[in-house]
PDB file of N, CA and C in Angstrom:
ATOM      1  N   UNK A   1     -15.107   1.739   6.436  1.00  0.00           N
ATOM      2  CA  UNK A   1     -14.403   2.032   7.629  1.00  0.00           C
ATOM      3  C   UNK A   1     -13.354   3.426   7.258  1.00  0.00           C
ATOM      4  N   UNK A   2     -13.258   3.910   8.797  1.00  0.00           N
ATOM      5  CA  UNK A   2     -13.016   5.095   8.565  1.00  0.00           C
ATOM      6  C   UNK A   2     -11.972   5.335   9.683  1.00  0.00           C
ATOM      7  N   UNK A   3     -10.836   6.262   9.079  1.00  0.00           N
ATOM      8  CA  UNK A   3      -9.710   5.929  10.197  1.00  0.00           C
ATOM      9  C   UNK A   3     -10.042   6.509  11.552  1.00  0.00           C
ATOM     10  N   UNK A   4     -10.968   7.344  11.715  1.00  0.00           N
ATOM     11  CA  UNK A   4     -11.101   7.575  13.150  1.00  0.00           C
ATOM     12  C   UNK A   4     -11.552   6.863  13.965  1.00  0.00           C
ATOM     13  N   UNK A   5     -11.851   5.145  13.506  1.00  0.00           N
ATOM     14  CA  UNK A   5     -12.318   4.124  13.853  1.00  0.00           C
ATOM     15  C   UNK A   5     -10.643   3.027  14.602  1.00  0.00           C
ATOM     16  N   UNK A   6      -9.922   3.527  13.118  1.00  0.00           N
ATOM     17  CA  UNK A   6      -8.599   2.455  13.364  1.00  0.00           C
ATOM     18  C   UNK A   6      -7.713   3.435  14.435  1.00  0.00           C
ATOM     19  N   UNK A   7      -7.574   4.820  14.516  1.00  0.00           N
ATOM     20  CA  UNK A   7      -6.572   5.402  14.904  1.00  0.00           C
ATOM     21  C   UNK A   7      -6.399   5.090  16.194  1.00  0.00           C
ATOM     22  N   UNK A   8      -7.541   4.699  16.999  1.00  0.00           N
ATOM     23  CA  UNK A   8      -7.434   4.378  18.257  1.00  0.00           C
ATOM     24  C   UNK A   8      -6.907   2.803  18.484  1.00  0.00           C
ATOM     25  N   UNK A   9      -6.804   2.115  17.847  1.00  0.00           N
ATOM     26  CA  UNK A   9      -6.366   0.797  17.934  1.00  0.00           C
ATOM     27  C   UNK A   9      -4.459   0.516  18.604  1.00  0.00           C
ATOM     28  N   UNK A  10      -4.842  -0.267  18.995  1.00  0.00           N
ATOM     29  CA  UNK A  10      -3.023  -0.633  19.361  1.00  0.00           C
ATOM     30  C   UNK A  10      -2.574  -1.081  18.445  1.00  0.00           C
ATOM     31  N   UNK A  11      -0.876  -1.560  18.107  1.00  0.00           N
ATOM     32  CA  UNK A  11      -0.375  -1.891  17.333  1.00  0.00           C
ATOM     33  C   UNK A  11      -0.820  -3.644  16.831  1.00  0.00           C
ATOM     34  N   UNK A  12      -1.264  -4.207  18.155  1.00  0.00           N
ATOM     35  CA  UNK A  12      -1.111  -5.472  17.970  1.00  0.00           C
ATOM     36  C   UNK A  12      -2.450  -5.756  17.011  1.00  0.00           C
ATOM     37  N   UNK A  13      -3.619  -4.962  17.349  1.00  0.00           N
ATOM     38  CA  UNK A  13      -4.629  -4.801  16.642  1.00  0.00           C
ATOM     39  C   UNK A  13      -4.336  -4.718  15.420  1.00  0.00           C
ATOM     40  N   UNK A  14      -3.630  -3.361  14.922  1.00  0.00           N
ATOM     41  CA  UNK A  14      -3.881  -2.670  13.367  1.00  0.00           C
ATOM     42  C   UNK A  14      -2.925  -3.867  12.914  1.00  0.00           C
ATOM     43  N   UNK A  15      -1.817  -4.809  13.207  1.00  0.00           N
ATOM     44  CA  UNK A  15      -1.303  -6.238  12.944  1.00  0.00           C
ATOM     45  C   UNK A  15      -2.691  -6.873  11.668  1.00  0.00           C
ATOM     46  N   UNK A  16      -3.208  -7.287  13.218  1.00  0.00           N
ATOM     47  CA  UNK A  16      -3.890  -8.335  12.488  1.00  0.00           C
ATOM     48  C   UNK A  16      -5.428  -7.975  11.388  1.00  0.00           C
ATOM     49  N   UNK A  17      -5.495  -6.797  12.062  1.00  0.00           N
ATOM     50  CA  UNK A  17      -6.827  -6.173  10.939  1.00  0.00           C
ATOM     51  C   UNK A  17      -6.192  -5.895   9.707  1.00  0.00           C
ATOM     52  N   UNK A  18      -4.755  -5.403   9.131  1.00  0.00           N
ATOM     53  CA  UNK A  18      -3.733  -5.431   8.106  1.00  0.00           C
ATOM     54  C   UNK A  18      -3.441  -7.203   7.949  1.00  0.00           C
ATOM     55  N   UNK A  19      -3.616  -8.408   8.117  1.00  0.00           N
ATOM     56  CA  UNK A  19      -3.678  -9.180   7.462  1.00  0.00           C
ATOM     57  C   UNK A  19      -5.062  -9.854   7.529  1.00  0.00           C
ATOM     58  N   UNK A  20      -5.762  -9.609   7.817  1.00  0.00           N
ATOM     59  CA  UNK A  20      -7.208  -9.857   8.134  1.00  0.00           C
ATOM     60  C   UNK A  20      -7.650  -9.438   6.095  1.00  0.00           C
ATOM     61  N   UNK A  21      -7.410  -7.702   6.391  1.00  0.00           N
ATOM     62  CA  UNK A  21      -7.669  -7.017   5.289  1.00  0.00           C
ATOM     63  C   UNK A  21      -7.355  -7.923   3.747  1.00  0.00           C
ATOM     64  N   UNK A  22      -5.908  -7.723   3.873  1.00  0.00           N
ATOM     65  CA  UNK A  22      -4.879  -8.717   3.145  1.00  0.00           C
ATOM     66  C   UNK A  22      -5.741  -9.750   2.473  1.00  0.00           C
ATOM     67  N   UNK A  23      -5.957 -10.854   3.375  1.00  0.00           N
ATOM     68  CA  UNK A  23      -6.883 -11.949   3.251  1.00  0.00           C
ATOM     69  C   UNK A  23      -7.700 -11.777   2.262  1.00  0.00           C
ATOM     70  N   UNK A  24      -8.898 -10.795   2.726  1.00  0.00           N
ATOM     71  CA  UNK A  24     -10.126  -9.922   2.244  1.00  0.00           C
ATOM     72  C   UNK A  24     -10.054  -9.415   0.781  1.00  0.00           C
ATOM     73  N   UNK A  25      -8.480  -8.599   0.677  1.00  0.00           N
ATOM     74  CA  UNK A  25      -8.516  -8.323  -0.978  1.00  0.00           C
ATOM     75  C   UNK A  25      -8.186  -9.156  -1.850  1.00  0.00           C
ATOM     76  N   UNK A  26      -7.411 -10.376  -1.381  1.00  0.00           N
ATOM     77  CA  UNK A  26      -6.805 -11.602  -2.004  1.00  0.00           C
ATOM     78  C   UNK A  26      -8.392 -12.247  -2.307  1.00  0.00           C
ATOM     79  N   UNK A  27      -8.785 -12.583  -1.368  1.00  0.00           N
ATOM     80  CA  UNK A  27      -9.990 -13.455  -1.960  1.00  0.00           C
ATOM     81  C   UNK A  27     -11.201 -12.172  -2.930  1.00  0.00           C
ATOM     82  N   UNK A  28     -11.320 -10.882  -2.607  1.00  0.00           N
ATOM     83  CA  UNK A  28     -12.240 -10.487  -3.490  1.00  0.00           C
ATOM     84  C   UNK A  28     -11.809 -10.314  -5.154  1.00  0.00           C
ATOM     85  N   UNK A  29     -10.565 -10.238  -5.185  1.00  0.00           N
ATOM     86  CA  UNK A  29      -9.561 -10.274  -6.353  1.00  0.00           C
ATOM     87  C   UNK A  29      -9.937 -11.491  -6.942  1.00  0.00           C
ATOM     88  N   UNK A  30      -9.741 -12.704  -6.318  1.00  0.00           N
ATOM     89  CA  UNK A  30      -9.751 -13.667  -6.698  1.00  0.00           C
ATOM     90  C   UNK A  30     -11.429 -14.698  -7.702  1.00  0.00           C
ATOM     91  N   UNK A  31     -12.580 -13.783  -6.272  1.00  0.00           N
ATOM     92  CA  UNK A  31     -13.750 -13.932  -7.003  1.00  0.00           C
ATOM     93  C   UNK A  31     -13.640 -12.942  -8.278  1.00  0.00           C
ATOM     94  N   UNK A  32     -13.581 -11.880  -8.071  1.00  0.00           N
ATOM     95  CA  UNK A  32     -13.712 -11.162  -9.322  1.00  0.00           C
ATOM     96  C   UNK A  32     -13.092 -11.612 -11.064  1.00  0.00           C
ATOM     97  N   UNK A  33     -11.706 -12.043 -10.629  1.00  0.00           N
ATOM     98  CA  UNK A  33     -11.652 -13.171 -11.424  1.00  0.00           C
ATOM     99  C   UNK A  33     -12.629 -13.903 -12.880  1.00  0.00           C
ATOM    100  N   UNK A  34     -12.990 -14.305 -11.517  1.00  0.00           N
ATOM    101  CA  UNK A  34     -14.081 -15.690 -11.740  1.00  0.00           C
ATOM    102  C   UNK A  34     -15.808 -15.133 -12.070  1.00  0.00           C
ATOM    103  N   UNK A  35     -15.342 -13.964 -12.108  1.00  0.00           N
ATOM    104  CA  UNK A  35     -17.387 -13.233 -12.341  1.00  0.00           C
ATOM    105  C   UNK A  35     -17.820 -13.287 -10.575  1.00  0.00           C
ATOM    106  N   UNK A  36     -17.449 -14.116  -9.890  1.00  0.00           N
ATOM    107  CA  UNK A  36     -18.600 -14.151  -8.435  1.00  0.00           C
ATOM    108  C   UNK A  36     -18.711 -12.670  -7.967  1.00  0.00           C
ATOM    109  N   UNK A  37     -18.331 -11.305  -8.097  1.00  0.00           N
ATOM    110  CA  UNK A  37     -18.070 -10.405  -6.996  1.00  0.00           C
ATOM    111  C   UNK A  37     -19.423  -9.592  -7.720  1.00  0.00           C
ATOM    112  N   UNK A  38     -20.147  -8.654  -7.598  1.00  0.00           N
ATOM    113  CA  UNK A  38     -21.255  -8.343  -7.359  1.00  0.00           C
ATOM    114  C   UNK A  38     -21.181  -6.827  -8.555  1.00  0.00           C
ATOM    115  N   UNK A  39     -20.024  -6.377  -7.146  1.00  0.00           N
ATOM    116  CA  UNK A  39     -19.845  -4.905  -7.466  1.00  0.00           C
ATOM    117  C   UNK A  39     -18.508  -4.821  -7.034  1.00  0.00           C
ATOM    118  N   UNK A  40     -17.599  -4.539  -8.148  1.00  0.00           N
ATOM    119  CA  UNK A  40     -16.236  -4.304  -8.352  1.00  0.00           C
ATOM    120  C   UNK A  40     -15.771  -3.574  -7.626  1.00  0.00           C
ATOM    121  N   UNK A  41     -16.506  -2.396  -7.222  1.00  0.00           N
ATOM    122  CA  UNK A  41     -15.993  -1.662  -6.507  1.00  0.00           C
ATOM    123  C   UNK A  41     -15.620  -2.429  -5.133  1.00  0.00           C
ATOM    124  N   UNK A  42     -15.675  -3.477  -4.211  1.00  0.00           N
ATOM    125  CA  UNK A  42     -15.538  -3.668  -3.198  1.00  0.00           C
ATOM    126  C   UNK A  42     -14.007  -3.830  -3.064  1.00  0.00           C
ATOM    127  N   UNK A  43     -13.089  -4.398  -4.543  1.00  0.00           N
ATOM    128  CA  UNK A  43     -12.184  -4.078  -4.483  1.00  0.00           C
ATOM    129  C   UNK A  43     -11.842  -2.655  -4.044  1.00  0.00           C
ATOM    130  N   UNK A  44     -11.739  -1.954  -4.513  1.00  0.00           N
ATOM    131  CA  UNK A  44     -11.470  -0.436  -4.066  1.00  0.00           C
ATOM    132  C   UNK A  44     -11.330   0.187  -2.980  1.00  0.00           C
ATOM    133  N   UNK A  45     -12.489  -0.395  -2.168  1.00  0.00           N
ATOM    134  CA  UNK A  45     -12.560  -0.228  -0.799  1.00  0.00           C
ATOM    135  C   UNK A  45     -11.967  -0.728  -0.028  1.00  0.00           C
ATOM    136  N   UNK A  46     -11.662  -2.807  -0.415  1.00  0.00           N
ATOM    137  CA  UNK A  46     -10.890  -2.821   0.809  1.00  0.00           C
ATOM    138  C   UNK A  46      -9.205  -2.386   0.079  1.00  0.00           C
ATOM    139  N   UNK A  47      -9.209  -2.238  -0.445  1.00  0.00           N
ATOM    140  CA  UNK A  47      -7.941  -1.532  -0.872  1.00  0.00           C
ATOM    141  C   UNK A  47      -7.444  -0.335  -0.296  1.00  0.00           C
ATOM    142  N   UNK A  48      -8.494   0.141  -0.449  1.00  0.00           N
ATOM    143  CA  UNK A  48      -8.094   1.850   0.231  1.00  0.00           C
ATOM    144  C   UNK A  48      -8.307   1.516   2.363  1.00  0.00           C
ATOM    145  N   UNK A  49      -9.125   0.938   2.605  1.00  0.00           N
ATOM    146  CA  UNK A  49      -9.297  -0.016   4.256  1.00  0.00           C
ATOM    147  C   UNK A  49      -8.082  -0.259   4.257  1.00  0.00           C
ATOM    148  N   UNK A  50      -7.357  -1.082   3.637  1.00  0.00           N
ATOM    149  CA  UNK A  50      -5.236  -1.543   3.904  1.00  0.00           C
ATOM    150  C   UNK A  50      -5.093  -0.750   4.023  1.00  0.00           C
ATOM    151  N   UNK A  51      -5.058   0.791   3.201  1.00  0.00           N
ATOM    152  CA  UNK A  51      -4.110   1.919   3.069  1.00  0.00           C
ATOM    153  C   UNK A  51      -4.032   2.134   4.127  1.00  0.00           C
ATOM    154  N   UNK A  52      -5.350   2.580   5.141  1.00  0.00           N
ATOM    155  CA  UNK A  52      -5.716   3.633   6.081  1.00  0.00           C
ATOM    156  C   UNK A  52      -5.305   2.834   7.257  1.00  0.00           C
ATOM    157  N   UNK A  53      -4.882   1.128   6.883  1.00  0.00           N
ATOM    158  CA  UNK A  53      -4.708   0.562   8.733  1.00  0.00           C
ATOM    159  C   UNK A  53      -3.050   1.111   8.478  1.00  0.00           C
ATOM    160  N   UNK A  54      -2.147   0.862   7.243  1.00  0.00           N
ATOM    161  CA  UNK A  54      -1.217   0.980   7.350  1.00  0.00           C
ATOM    162  C   UNK A  54      -0.601   2.192   7.411  1.00  0.00           C
ATOM    163  N   UNK A  55      -1.627   3.116   7.387  1.00  0.00           N
ATOM    164  CA  UNK A  55      -1.049   4.530   7.514  1.00  0.00           C
ATOM    165  C   UNK A  55      -1.220   5.139   9.307  1.00  0.00           C
ATOM    166  N   UNK A  56      -2.026   4.342   9.766  1.00  0.00           N
ATOM    167  CA  UNK A  56      -2.577   4.580  11.121  1.00  0.00           C
ATOM    168  C   UNK A  56      -0.951   3.649  11.710  1.00  0.00           C
ATOM    169  N   UNK A  57      -0.412   2.568  11.237  1.00  0.00           N
ATOM    170  CA  UNK A  57       0.566   1.664  11.569  1.00  0.00           C
ATOM    171  C   UNK A  57       1.890   2.678  11.610  1.00  0.00           C
ATOM    172  N   UNK A  58       2.431   2.822  10.122  1.00  0.00           N
ATOM    173  CA  UNK A  58       3.238   3.995  10.433  1.00  0.00           C
ATOM    174  C   UNK A  58       3.338   5.158  10.876  1.00  0.00           C
ATOM    175  N   UNK A  59       1.953   5.488  11.077  1.00  0.00           N
ATOM    176  CA  UNK A  59       1.822   6.800  12.542  1.00  0.00           C
ATOM    177  C   UNK A  59       1.980   6.371  13.541  1.00  0.00           C
ATOM    178  N   UNK A  60       2.080   5.222  14.143  1.00  0.00           N
ATOM    179  CA  UNK A  60       1.971   4.558  15.483  1.00  0.00           C
ATOM    180  C   UNK A  60       3.592   4.064  15.808  1.00  0.00           C
ATOM    181  N   UNK A  61       3.887   3.703  15.212  1.00  0.00           N
ATOM    182  CA  UNK A  61       5.669   2.846  14.736  1.00  0.00           C
ATOM    183  C   UNK A  61       6.856   4.112  14.470  1.00  0.00           C
ATOM    184  N   UNK A  62       6.156   5.187  13.828  1.00  0.00           N
ATOM    185  CA  UNK A  62       7.160   5.813  14.146  1.00  0.00           C
ATOM    186  C   UNK A  62       8.055   5.667  13.060  1.00  0.00           C
ATOM    187  N   UNK A  63       7.424   4.503  11.128  1.00  0.00           N
ATOM    188  CA  UNK A  63       8.091   4.446  10.170  1.00  0.00           C
ATOM    189  C   UNK A  63       9.279   5.576   9.554  1.00  0.00           C
ATOM    190  N   UNK A  64      10.754   4.926   9.761  1.00  0.00           N
ATOM    191  CA  UNK A  64      11.742   5.342   9.522  1.00  0.00           C
ATOM    192  C   UNK A  64      11.827   5.493   8.065  1.00  0.00           C
ATOM    193  N   UNK A  65      11.518   4.381   7.396  1.00  0.00           N
ATOM    194  CA  UNK A  65      11.328   4.182   6.140  1.00  0.00           C
ATOM    195  C   UNK A  65      11.111   5.047   5.202  1.00  0.00           C
ATOM    196  N   UNK A  66      10.268   6.000   5.737  1.00  0.00           N
ATOM    197  CA  UNK A  66       9.691   6.929   4.688  1.00  0.00           C
ATOM    198  C   UNK A  66      10.928   8.232   4.369  1.00  0.00           C
ATOM    199  N   UNK A  67      11.858   8.200   4.697  1.00  0.00           N
ATOM    200  CA  UNK A  67      12.725   9.222   4.651  1.00  0.00           C
ATOM    201  C   UNK A  67      13.449   9.142   2.761  1.00  0.00           C
ATOM    202  N   UNK A  68      13.046   9.912   2.078  1.00  0.00           N
ATOM    203  CA  UNK A  68      14.126  10.191   1.321  1.00  0.00           C
ATOM    204  C   UNK A  68      15.394   9.661   0.549  1.00  0.00           C
ATOM    205  N   UNK A  69      15.383   8.440  -0.406  1.00  0.00           N
ATOM    206  CA  UNK A  69      16.927   8.397  -0.639  1.00  0.00           C
ATOM    207  C   UNK A  69      18.179   9.724  -1.521  1.00  0.00           C
ATOM    208  N   UNK A  70      19.428   9.747  -0.701  1.00  0.00           N
ATOM    209  CA  UNK A  70      20.014  10.488  -1.217  1.00  0.00           C
ATOM    210  C   UNK A  70      19.889  10.541  -2.868  1.00  0.00           C
ATOM    211  N   UNK A  71      19.619  11.198  -4.031  1.00  0.00           N
ATOM    212  CA  UNK A  71      19.403  11.463  -5.324  1.00  0.00           C
ATOM    213  C   UNK A  71      21.027  11.146  -5.993  1.00  0.00           C
ATOM    214  N   UNK A  72      21.215  10.163  -7.035  1.00  0.00           N
ATOM    215  CA  UNK A  72      21.871  10.212  -7.545  1.00  0.00           C
ATOM    216  C   UNK A  72      22.810  10.765  -8.390  1.00  0.00           C
ATOM    217  N   UNK A  73      24.185  11.158  -8.250  1.00  0.00           N
ATOM    218  CA  UNK A  73      24.777  12.393  -9.787  1.00  0.00           C
ATOM    219  C   UNK A  73      24.609  11.383 -10.994  1.00  0.00           C
ATOM    220  N   UNK A  74      24.437  12.550 -12.009  1.00  0.00           N
ATOM    221  CA  UNK A  74      24.572  12.067 -13.209  1.00  0.00           C
ATOM    222  C   UNK A  74      25.931  11.562 -13.419  1.00  0.00           C
ATOM    223  N   UNK A  75      26.629  10.740 -14.296  1.00  0.00           N
ATOM    224  CA  UNK A  75      27.886  10.784 -14.741  1.00  0.00           C
ATOM    225  C   UNK A  75      28.281  10.963 -16.109  1.00  0.00           C
ATOM    226  N   UNK A  76      29.046  11.066 -16.201  1.00  0.00           N
ATOM    227  CA  UNK A  76      29.231  11.401 -17.625  1.00  0.00           C
ATOM    228  C   UNK A  76      29.273   9.566 -18.812  1.00  0.00           C
ATOM    229  N   UNK A  77      29.034   8.634 -17.993  1.00  0.00           N
ATOM    230  CA  UNK A  77      28.432   7.823 -18.938  1.00  0.00           C
ATOM    231  C   UNK A  77      26.893   7.489 -19.392  1.00  0.00           C
ATOM    232  N   UNK A  78      26.663   8.116 -18.059  1.00  0.00           N
ATOM    233  CA  UNK A  78      24.884   8.604 -18.297  1.00  0.00           C
ATOM    234  C   UNK A  78      24.211   9.485 -18.824  1.00  0.00           C
ATOM    235  N   UNK A  79      25.313  10.573 -19.383  1.00  0.00           N
ATOM    236  CA  UNK A  79      24.320  11.215 -20.133  1.00  0.00           C
ATOM    237  C   UNK A  79      24.917  11.296 -21.504  1.00  0.00           C
ATOM    238  N   UNK A  80      26.067  10.992 -21.520  1.00  0.00           N
ATOM    239  CA  UNK A  80      26.155  11.174 -23.219  1.00  0.00           C
ATOM    240  C   UNK A  80      25.551   9.756 -24.403  1.00  0.00           C
ATOM    241  N   UNK A  81      25.417  10.146 -25.122  1.00  0.00           N
ATOM    242  CA  UNK A  81      24.729   9.519 -26.456  1.00  0.00           C
ATOM    243  C   UNK A  81      26.114   9.360 -27.526  1.00  0.00           C
ATOM    244  N   UNK A  82      26.035   8.364 -28.060  1.00  0.00           N
ATOM    245  CA  UNK A  82      26.577   7.792 -29.142  1.00  0.00           C
ATOM    246  C   UNK A  82      25.782   8.228 -30.661  1.00  0.00           C
ATOM    247  N   UNK A  83      26.829   9.270 -31.205  1.00  0.00           N
ATOM    248  CA  UNK A  83      26.192   9.587 -32.618  1.00  0.00           C
ATOM    249  C   UNK A  83      26.492   8.756 -33.425  1.00  0.00           C
ATOM    250  N   UNK A  84      25.881   8.030 -34.841  1.00  0.00           N
ATOM    251  CA  UNK A  84      26.232   7.368 -36.039  1.00  0.00           C
ATOM    252  C   UNK A  84      26.945   8.473 -36.894  1.00  0.00           C
ATOM    253  N   UNK A  85      27.692   8.049 -37.512  1.00  0.00           N
ATOM    254  CA  UNK A  85      28.439   9.253 -38.220  1.00  0.00           C
ATOM    255  C   UNK A  85      28.282   8.066 -39.670  1.00  0.00           C
TER     256      UNK A  85
END
């Protein structure tokens, strides 16, 4: 599945595709653990397809949770180490 095919879908279609791909990925992982998957690269392909769909969802909906969190400043308690004498 290419990103070109995904980017034109509506947000509802993307959500349906996301749940379908999550289910497929889970089923493929279970089959792999039982030794029933002929080609283990199928797991990687399903995982990448899911990532493409999630990227399209974030682009379409304008995900605001991707902004970086403010950095914590180091305090005296976290930077000092005790010496054994």
